[in-house]
Protein backbone atom coordinates (compact mmCIF):
# COMPACT_ATOMS: atom_id res chain seq x y z
CA MET A 1 -59.64 1.79 -27.71
CA LYS A 2 -57.20 3.87 -25.64
CA ARG A 3 -56.10 0.78 -23.73
CA PHE A 4 -55.61 -1.14 -26.98
CA ILE A 5 -53.46 1.65 -28.42
CA ALA A 6 -51.48 1.79 -25.19
CA LEU A 7 -50.89 -1.96 -25.38
CA LEU A 8 -49.66 -1.69 -28.98
CA ILE A 9 -47.30 1.13 -28.03
CA SER A 10 -45.96 -0.90 -25.10
CA LEU A 11 -45.37 -3.96 -27.28
CA THR A 12 -43.59 -1.83 -29.88
CA MET A 13 -41.35 -0.25 -27.25
CA LEU A 14 -40.63 -3.68 -25.80
CA PHE A 15 -39.56 -4.94 -29.22
CA VAL A 16 -37.24 -1.96 -29.64
CA LEU A 17 -35.82 -2.51 -26.17
CA PHE A 18 -34.64 -5.99 -27.09
CA LEU A 19 -32.93 -4.95 -30.31
CA PRO A 20 -29.11 -5.16 -30.13
CA ASP A 21 -27.75 -2.05 -28.42
CA THR A 22 -24.85 -1.18 -30.73
CA VAL A 23 -23.94 2.08 -29.01
CA SER A 24 -23.70 0.45 -25.61
CA ALA A 25 -21.72 -2.49 -26.99
CA GLN A 26 -19.21 -0.11 -28.52
CA THR A 27 -18.89 1.99 -25.40
CA LYS A 28 -18.66 -0.71 -22.77
CA GLY A 29 -15.09 -1.66 -22.02
CA LYS A 30 -13.59 0.89 -24.40
CA ILE A 31 -12.48 3.46 -21.84
CA LYS A 32 -8.80 3.04 -21.27
CA SER A 33 -6.77 4.40 -18.39
CA GLU A 34 -3.06 5.02 -18.16
CA ASP A 35 -0.84 4.64 -15.15
CA ALA A 36 -1.88 6.64 -12.09
CA VAL A 37 1.11 8.90 -12.55
CA SER A 38 3.38 9.71 -15.44
CA ALA A 39 6.97 8.58 -15.24
CA ILE A 40 9.64 10.96 -14.03
CA LYS A 41 13.30 10.77 -14.82
CA VAL A 42 15.12 9.00 -12.00
CA SER A 43 17.99 11.06 -10.71
CA ALA A 44 21.51 9.72 -10.72
CA ASP A 45 22.85 13.08 -9.53
CA SER A 46 26.50 12.54 -8.69
CA THR A 47 26.42 15.62 -6.46
CA LEU A 48 24.54 13.57 -3.89
CA ASN A 49 27.71 11.51 -3.54
CA ILE A 50 26.14 8.38 -2.05
CA SER A 51 28.99 6.07 -1.02
CA SER A 52 26.85 3.16 0.22
CA THR A 53 26.64 0.19 -2.13
CA ALA A 54 22.96 0.70 -3.01
CA ALA A 55 20.36 3.39 -2.37
CA VAL A 56 16.83 4.36 -3.36
CA LEU A 57 14.62 7.38 -2.74
CA MET A 58 10.91 6.72 -3.37
CA GLU A 59 7.76 8.80 -2.90
CA GLY A 60 5.27 6.71 -0.96
CA SER A 61 1.83 7.56 -2.34
CA THR A 62 2.85 7.27 -6.00
CA GLY A 63 5.65 4.72 -5.71
CA MET A 64 7.76 6.91 -7.99
CA LEU A 65 11.55 6.67 -7.82
CA ILE A 66 13.36 9.96 -7.33
CA TYR A 67 16.88 8.58 -6.93
CA GLU A 68 18.48 5.19 -7.35
CA LYS A 69 21.89 3.60 -7.16
CA LYS A 70 22.22 -0.13 -7.91
CA LYS A 71 18.57 -0.46 -6.92
CA ASP A 72 18.25 -4.12 -8.00
CA GLU A 73 21.52 -5.47 -6.65
CA ARG A 74 20.91 -8.44 -4.35
CA LEU A 75 22.39 -7.75 -0.93
CA LYS A 76 22.06 -9.00 2.63
CA PRO A 77 19.22 -6.99 4.23
CA ALA A 78 19.97 -7.72 7.90
CA SER A 79 17.18 -6.54 10.22
CA ILE A 80 15.34 -4.45 7.63
CA THR A 81 13.95 -7.93 6.88
CA LYS A 82 11.68 -7.19 9.84
CA ILE A 83 9.71 -4.71 7.72
CA MET A 84 8.09 -7.69 6.02
CA THR A 85 7.58 -9.40 9.38
CA LEU A 86 5.75 -6.30 10.62
CA ILE A 87 3.59 -6.18 7.48
CA LEU A 88 2.34 -9.71 8.16
CA ILE A 89 1.80 -8.93 11.85
CA PHE A 90 -0.35 -5.89 11.03
CA GLU A 91 -2.24 -7.83 8.36
CA ALA A 92 -3.07 -10.45 10.98
CA ILE A 93 -4.31 -7.70 13.31
CA ASP A 94 -6.37 -5.99 10.60
CA SER A 95 -8.00 -9.29 9.60
CA GLY A 96 -8.96 -10.04 13.22
CA ARG A 97 -6.81 -13.16 13.49
CA ILE A 98 -4.91 -11.64 16.39
CA LYS A 99 -5.36 -8.65 18.69
CA LEU A 100 -2.88 -6.32 20.38
CA THR A 101 -3.98 -7.72 23.73
CA ASP A 102 -3.43 -11.38 22.77
CA MET A 103 -0.76 -13.11 24.83
CA VAL A 104 2.25 -14.66 23.09
CA SER A 105 4.15 -17.56 24.63
CA VAL A 106 7.87 -17.66 23.84
CA SER A 107 9.18 -21.01 22.59
CA GLU A 108 12.64 -22.48 23.13
CA HIS A 109 13.39 -21.75 19.47
CA ALA A 110 12.34 -18.10 19.71
CA ALA A 111 14.32 -17.59 22.92
CA SER A 112 17.43 -19.09 21.33
CA MET A 113 17.79 -16.36 18.69
CA GLY A 114 21.13 -14.60 18.74
CA GLY A 115 21.96 -11.14 17.54
CA SER A 116 19.74 -8.24 18.51
CA GLN A 117 17.28 -9.39 21.17
CA VAL A 118 15.41 -8.44 24.32
CA TYR A 119 16.29 -11.70 26.07
CA LEU A 120 12.88 -13.29 26.22
CA GLU A 121 12.96 -16.55 28.14
CA PRO A 122 11.34 -19.88 27.19
CA ASN A 123 7.67 -19.94 28.25
CA GLU A 124 7.71 -16.21 29.01
CA VAL A 125 4.45 -14.54 28.00
CA GLN A 126 4.05 -11.04 26.53
CA ASP A 127 1.19 -9.40 24.68
CA VAL A 128 1.28 -8.61 20.96
CA ASN A 129 1.60 -4.88 21.58
CA THR A 130 4.77 -5.40 23.61
CA MET A 131 6.20 -7.73 20.97
CA ILE A 132 5.67 -5.09 18.25
CA LYS A 133 7.43 -2.52 20.42
CA CYS A 134 10.37 -4.86 20.93
CA ILE A 135 10.62 -5.48 17.17
CA SER A 136 10.16 -1.87 16.09
CA ILE A 137 12.28 -0.16 18.74
CA SER A 138 14.99 -2.67 19.63
CA SER A 139 14.91 -4.92 16.54
CA ALA A 140 14.37 -7.98 18.70
CA ASN A 141 14.99 -11.26 16.87
CA ASP A 142 13.43 -13.32 19.67
CA ALA A 143 10.20 -11.29 19.53
CA CYS A 144 10.09 -11.69 15.74
CA VAL A 145 10.23 -15.46 15.89
CA ALA A 146 7.67 -15.62 18.71
CA MET A 147 5.25 -13.57 16.60
CA ALA A 148 5.94 -15.70 13.53
CA GLU A 149 5.05 -18.82 15.49
CA LEU A 150 1.88 -17.21 16.85
CA ILE A 151 0.66 -16.21 13.38
CA ALA A 152 1.76 -19.16 11.25
CA GLY A 153 2.52 -21.98 13.69
CA SER A 154 6.20 -22.08 12.82
CA GLU A 155 8.89 -19.73 11.57
CA GLU A 156 9.26 -21.81 8.40
CA THR A 157 5.59 -21.42 7.47
CA PHE A 158 5.73 -17.72 8.31
CA VAL A 159 8.75 -17.28 6.01
CA GLU A 160 6.77 -18.92 3.21
CA GLN A 161 4.12 -16.25 3.75
CA MET A 162 6.80 -13.57 3.69
CA ASN A 163 8.06 -14.77 0.32
CA LYS A 164 4.55 -14.94 -1.08
CA LYS A 165 3.87 -11.37 0.03
CA ALA A 166 7.17 -10.28 -1.49
CA LYS A 167 6.12 -11.80 -4.80
CA ASP A 168 2.72 -10.07 -4.59
CA LEU A 169 4.47 -6.72 -4.07
CA GLY A 170 6.72 -7.22 -7.10
CA MET A 171 9.87 -7.72 -5.03
CA ASN A 172 11.74 -9.60 -7.74
CA ASN A 173 15.15 -9.55 -6.11
CA THR A 174 14.18 -10.78 -2.67
CA HIS A 175 14.19 -14.16 -0.97
CA PHE A 176 13.72 -14.67 2.76
CA VAL A 177 15.01 -17.64 4.76
CA ASN A 178 14.24 -16.31 8.24
CA CYS A 179 11.95 -13.64 9.70
CA CYS A 180 14.56 -11.55 11.49
CA GLY A 181 17.44 -11.01 9.07
CA LEU A 182 20.30 -13.03 10.55
CA ASP A 183 22.93 -13.78 7.90
CA ILE A 184 22.25 -17.04 6.12
CA ASP A 185 22.73 -18.33 2.59
CA ASN A 186 20.04 -17.40 0.05
CA HIS A 187 18.58 -14.63 2.24
CA TYR A 188 18.74 -11.41 0.24
CA SER A 189 16.90 -8.31 -0.94
CA SER A 190 17.57 -5.11 -2.89
CA ALA A 191 17.25 -1.40 -2.17
CA TYR A 192 14.26 -1.10 -4.48
CA ASP A 193 12.52 -4.13 -2.93
CA VAL A 194 13.09 -2.74 0.56
CA ALA A 195 11.47 0.50 -0.60
CA LEU A 196 8.50 -1.46 -1.95
CA MET A 197 7.85 -3.25 1.33
CA SER A 198 8.49 -0.06 3.31
CA ARG A 199 5.86 1.66 1.17
CA GLU A 200 3.41 -1.17 1.85
CA LEU A 201 3.95 -0.87 5.59
CA ILE A 202 3.65 2.92 5.93
CA THR A 203 0.71 3.33 3.52
CA LYS A 204 -1.38 0.29 4.49
CA HIS A 205 -0.47 0.26 8.20
CA PRO A 206 0.41 3.85 9.19
CA GLN A 207 0.02 2.94 12.86
CA ILE A 208 3.56 1.55 12.63
CA SER A 209 4.85 5.10 13.16
CA THR A 210 3.46 5.12 16.70
CA TYR A 211 5.98 2.36 17.43
CA SER A 212 8.88 3.22 15.12
CA THR A 213 9.17 6.81 16.41
CA ILE A 214 9.50 5.88 20.10
CA TRP A 215 13.00 6.79 21.26
CA MET A 216 13.04 4.98 24.61
CA ASP A 217 10.59 2.72 26.44
CA THR A 218 10.49 -0.20 28.82
CA PHE A 219 8.66 -3.47 29.28
CA THR A 220 8.55 -5.96 32.14
CA HIS A 221 9.94 -9.48 31.94
CA THR A 222 7.67 -11.81 33.91
CA THR A 223 9.25 -15.23 34.47
CA LYS A 224 9.63 -17.83 37.18
CA LYS A 225 12.48 -15.72 38.50
CA GLY A 226 10.09 -12.82 39.06
CA ASN A 227 9.59 -9.43 37.40
CA SER A 228 12.34 -7.27 35.94
CA GLU A 229 12.20 -4.12 33.86
CA PHE A 230 14.00 -4.06 30.52
CA GLY A 231 14.89 -0.88 28.65
CA LEU A 232 14.26 -0.39 24.92
CA THR A 233 16.24 2.14 22.89
CA ASN A 234 15.49 2.85 19.25
CA THR A 235 18.21 1.81 16.82
CA ASN A 236 17.13 4.53 14.34
CA LYS A 237 18.95 7.67 15.47
CA LEU A 238 17.12 9.84 12.91
CA ILE A 239 13.98 9.92 15.04
CA ARG A 240 15.79 12.18 17.47
CA PHE A 241 16.46 15.03 15.08
CA TYR A 242 15.07 14.64 11.55
CA GLN A 243 11.99 16.80 10.89
CA GLY A 244 8.95 14.73 9.93
CA ILE A 245 10.57 11.35 10.55
CA THR A 246 8.07 8.47 10.73
CA GLY A 247 10.42 5.49 10.98
CA LEU A 248 11.32 2.96 9.92
CA LYS A 249 13.95 0.22 10.40
CA THR A 250 17.67 -0.28 10.76
CA GLY A 251 19.75 -3.38 10.12
CA SER A 252 23.37 -4.44 10.48
CA THR A 253 25.35 -7.66 10.39
CA GLY A 254 28.90 -8.56 9.46
CA LEU A 255 27.91 -9.42 5.89
CA ALA A 256 25.16 -6.84 5.38
CA LYS A 257 27.20 -3.98 6.85
CA TYR A 258 24.87 -1.07 7.78
CA CYS A 259 21.37 -0.77 6.31
CA LEU A 260 18.46 1.59 6.85
CA SER A 261 14.98 2.30 5.56
CA ALA A 262 14.17 5.83 6.71
CA THR A 263 10.68 7.28 6.20
CA ALA A 264 9.59 10.88 6.67
CA LYS A 265 6.51 12.98 5.92
CA ARG A 266 6.18 16.70 5.19
CA LYS A 267 3.20 18.49 3.63
CA ASP A 268 1.43 15.21 2.81
CA MET A 269 4.47 13.80 0.98
CA ASP A 270 5.87 10.51 2.25
CA LEU A 271 9.47 9.80 1.33
CA ILE A 272 11.30 6.50 1.72
CA ALA A 273 15.12 6.52 1.72
CA VAL A 274 16.80 3.13 1.62
CA ILE A 275 20.51 2.68 2.27
CA MET A 276 22.14 -0.74 1.94
CA ALA A 277 25.68 -1.85 2.76
CA ALA A 278 26.90 1.45 4.15
CA PRO A 279 30.44 1.22 5.49
CA ASP A 280 29.49 2.43 8.97
CA THR A 281 26.46 3.48 11.00
CA LYS A 282 27.23 7.20 10.72
CA THR A 283 27.22 6.99 6.93
CA ARG A 284 23.86 5.25 6.71
CA PHE A 285 22.14 7.98 8.73
CA ALA A 286 23.94 10.82 6.96
CA GLU A 287 23.18 9.47 3.48
CA ALA A 288 19.54 8.70 4.29
CA SER A 289 19.17 12.28 5.54
CA LYS A 290 20.82 13.55 2.37
CA LEU A 291 18.34 11.64 0.20
CA LEU A 292 15.34 12.82 2.21
CA ASN A 293 16.54 16.42 2.06
CA PHE A 294 16.98 16.15 -1.71
CA GLY A 295 13.43 14.85 -2.12
CA PHE A 296 11.75 17.45 0.07
CA ALA A 297 13.72 20.28 -1.56
CA ASN A 298 12.98 19.30 -5.16
CA TYR A 299 9.54 17.67 -5.18
CA SER A 300 6.02 18.23 -3.93
CA ILE A 301 2.89 16.10 -3.99
CA TYR A 302 -0.57 16.65 -5.46
CA LYS A 303 -3.29 14.54 -3.90
CA ASP A 304 -6.97 14.23 -4.72
CA ASP A 305 -8.91 11.91 -2.43
CA ASN A 306 -12.01 12.31 -4.65
CA LYS A 307 -14.31 12.31 -1.62
CA ALA A 308 -16.10 15.44 -2.81
CA THR A 309 -16.25 14.42 -6.48
CA GLU A 310 -19.85 14.19 -7.69
CA ILE A 311 -20.57 11.47 -10.25
CA THR A 312 -23.65 11.66 -12.50
CA PRO A 313 -25.49 8.32 -12.82
CA VAL A 314 -25.01 6.47 -16.12
CA ILE A 315 -27.96 5.22 -18.19
CA VAL A 316 -28.45 1.44 -18.18
CA THR A 317 -30.21 -0.26 -21.08
CA LYS A 318 -31.99 -3.62 -20.84
CA GLY A 319 -31.67 -3.60 -17.05
CA VAL A 320 -34.08 -3.85 -14.14
CA LYS A 321 -32.96 -0.30 -13.30
CA ASP A 322 -32.55 2.58 -15.72
CA LYS A 323 -29.41 4.10 -14.16
CA VAL A 324 -26.36 3.06 -12.20
CA GLN A 325 -24.47 5.28 -9.78
CA GLY A 326 -20.71 5.43 -10.11
CA LYS A 327 -18.05 5.64 -7.42
CA VAL A 328 -14.43 6.71 -7.76
CA GLY A 329 -12.00 3.80 -7.59
CA GLY A 330 -9.54 5.57 -5.29
CA GLU A 331 -7.45 8.64 -4.65
CA TYR A 332 -4.95 10.09 -7.11
CA SER A 333 -1.42 11.30 -6.41
CA TYR A 334 1.09 13.04 -8.65
CA LEU A 335 4.69 13.86 -7.92
CA CYS A 336 5.53 17.42 -8.98
CA THR A 337 9.13 18.27 -9.76
CA LYS A 338 10.58 21.59 -8.63
CA GLY A 339 9.03 24.43 -10.63
CA LYS A 340 5.73 22.65 -11.18
CA SER A 341 2.67 23.77 -9.27
CA ALA A 342 -0.15 21.49 -8.18
CA ASP A 343 -2.50 24.41 -8.94
CA ASP A 344 -1.93 23.75 -12.65
CA ILE A 345 -3.34 20.23 -12.44
CA LYS A 346 -6.88 19.93 -13.80
CA LYS A 347 -9.25 16.99 -13.92
CA GLU A 348 -12.07 15.91 -16.21
CA ILE A 349 -14.83 13.38 -15.54
CA ILE A 350 -15.52 11.12 -18.54
CA LEU A 351 -18.50 8.76 -18.33
CA SER A 352 -19.93 6.18 -20.72
CA ASP A 353 -23.03 7.44 -22.54
CA LYS A 354 -24.79 4.27 -21.44
CA VAL A 355 -24.03 0.70 -20.48
CA SER A 356 -25.91 -2.48 -21.19
CA ALA A 357 -27.12 -4.83 -18.46
CA PRO A 358 -26.08 -6.97 -16.78
CA VAL A 359 -23.84 -4.61 -14.82
CA VAL A 360 -21.55 -6.04 -12.17
CA ALA A 361 -20.61 -3.97 -9.12
CA GLY A 362 -17.11 -2.74 -9.81
CA ASP A 363 -17.49 -2.61 -13.61
CA LYS A 364 -15.71 0.36 -15.12
CA ILE A 365 -18.22 2.97 -16.34
CA GLY A 366 -15.90 5.95 -16.72
CA GLU A 367 -12.76 7.62 -15.44
CA ILE A 368 -11.39 10.82 -14.00
CA VAL A 369 -8.56 12.07 -16.19
CA TYR A 370 -5.88 14.42 -14.83
CA TYR A 371 -3.96 16.93 -16.94
CA TYR A 372 -0.91 19.12 -16.41
CA ASP A 373 -0.59 21.90 -19.01
CA ASN A 374 -3.13 20.02 -21.16
CA GLU A 375 -1.01 16.86 -21.09
CA LYS A 376 -2.61 13.75 -19.61
CA ILE A 377 -0.69 12.64 -16.52
CA GLY A 378 -2.95 9.89 -15.19
CA SER A 379 -6.43 8.70 -14.39
CA VAL A 380 -8.63 6.93 -11.86
CA ASP A 381 -11.43 4.57 -12.82
CA ILE A 382 -15.08 5.23 -12.04
CA LEU A 383 -16.80 1.99 -11.07
CA ALA A 384 -20.41 0.84 -10.86
CA SER A 385 -21.49 1.01 -7.22
CA GLU A 386 -24.08 -1.78 -7.55
CA ALA A 387 -25.03 -4.77 -9.66
CA ILE A 388 -27.94 -4.37 -12.08
CA ALA A 389 -29.43 -7.54 -13.53
CA LYS A 390 -30.60 -7.85 -17.10
CA ALA A 391 -34.34 -7.30 -17.37
CA LYS A 392 -36.53 -10.22 -18.34
CA TYR A 393 -39.59 -9.92 -20.58
CA LYS A 394 -41.90 -9.50 -17.60
CA ASP A 395 -39.70 -6.79 -16.03
CA CYS A 396 -39.60 -4.79 -19.25
CA PHE A 397 -43.33 -5.13 -19.89
CA LEU A 398 -44.26 -3.96 -16.38
CA LYS A 399 -41.74 -1.11 -16.55
CA LEU A 400 -43.22 0.14 -19.85
CA LEU A 401 -46.78 -0.05 -18.62
CA LYS A 402 -45.81 1.85 -15.50
CA ARG A 403 -44.10 4.55 -17.53
CA TYR A 404 -47.09 4.94 -19.85
CA PHE A 405 -49.91 4.96 -17.33
CA MET A 406 -48.15 6.56 -14.35
CA GLY A 407 -45.61 8.77 -16.11
CA THR A 408 -42.66 7.36 -14.14
């Protein structure tokens, strides 16, 4: 009799289990998140007195603009083009397609580049690490083209990849025709777009600073004529004196005038100062320093990497498992203006009451909401850490029997 009653109870519970789960259906997908950070008013402070044609000051972790002048004007970028070239080089390294120790053979085309160069000769061989040094320190056009050919087979194909990456990054006022920045028709960018690609390089590939902060170095030419040492001197004079400087790239041509993307870090805040079409080299360094000083003096950064954040599992209905563990979708950063304290930022974990199977790994099951003075300033999604399939009749029946007879 007891077994019969148990069977009836199990069947009844099974029937209930397969009824439509209205609560779960209402909850799933209803949690909305806002932008990771709230907007701040972009400064157009005339006291900064930026004389260069265009300029931008951006905070790296949030992507927030602090200052801008003609940020979207299309201008010749000169050798700050190489920031995109370096992004694709480091992506190729990270993906395992090339290694720092791989040898690069210099083609006739690469060796024929004019402008800034390290005078690589046709058929000369250097490793990838040396090529990156030549690009980062001495802005070598010949090394750029050699690396483009190694990665994509030709400079033309590499440039196609550059333009695709630019589109992916939202660089709407950029078009590349070559990988090194020599003046040519239809090759242009903007101060804001340069900041976007600079941000991509320093945040996704921070190892660039080990190259871009070298003041002087050497490498050895090895050709049929024998070995000869060649000196490299950094074109970015800020690395000699600016506190916290991390890079990044200079550029100058007759049409572009003097350009610079200068990056610096203090107290976990990464700033990116872009100067385009400065009248002379002294002005580009002075105005980049002025922008960086303005940012460090008036802003601070709040960061939460969420590594220590504990997430309570969420109930799963109609699944082969009863609960799903959540994981935080990433870190959170907020740019505090002068007078605001990061200590006043609070966070709240909001989870769905329950979700209905099937659950896909990466499904949103909640969010962490951040507040400043009780005002929501942003959020980070909480995602399902695993997939949970929808239970079939057999799964549910066995689960119910196990619960009843074994108490689990």
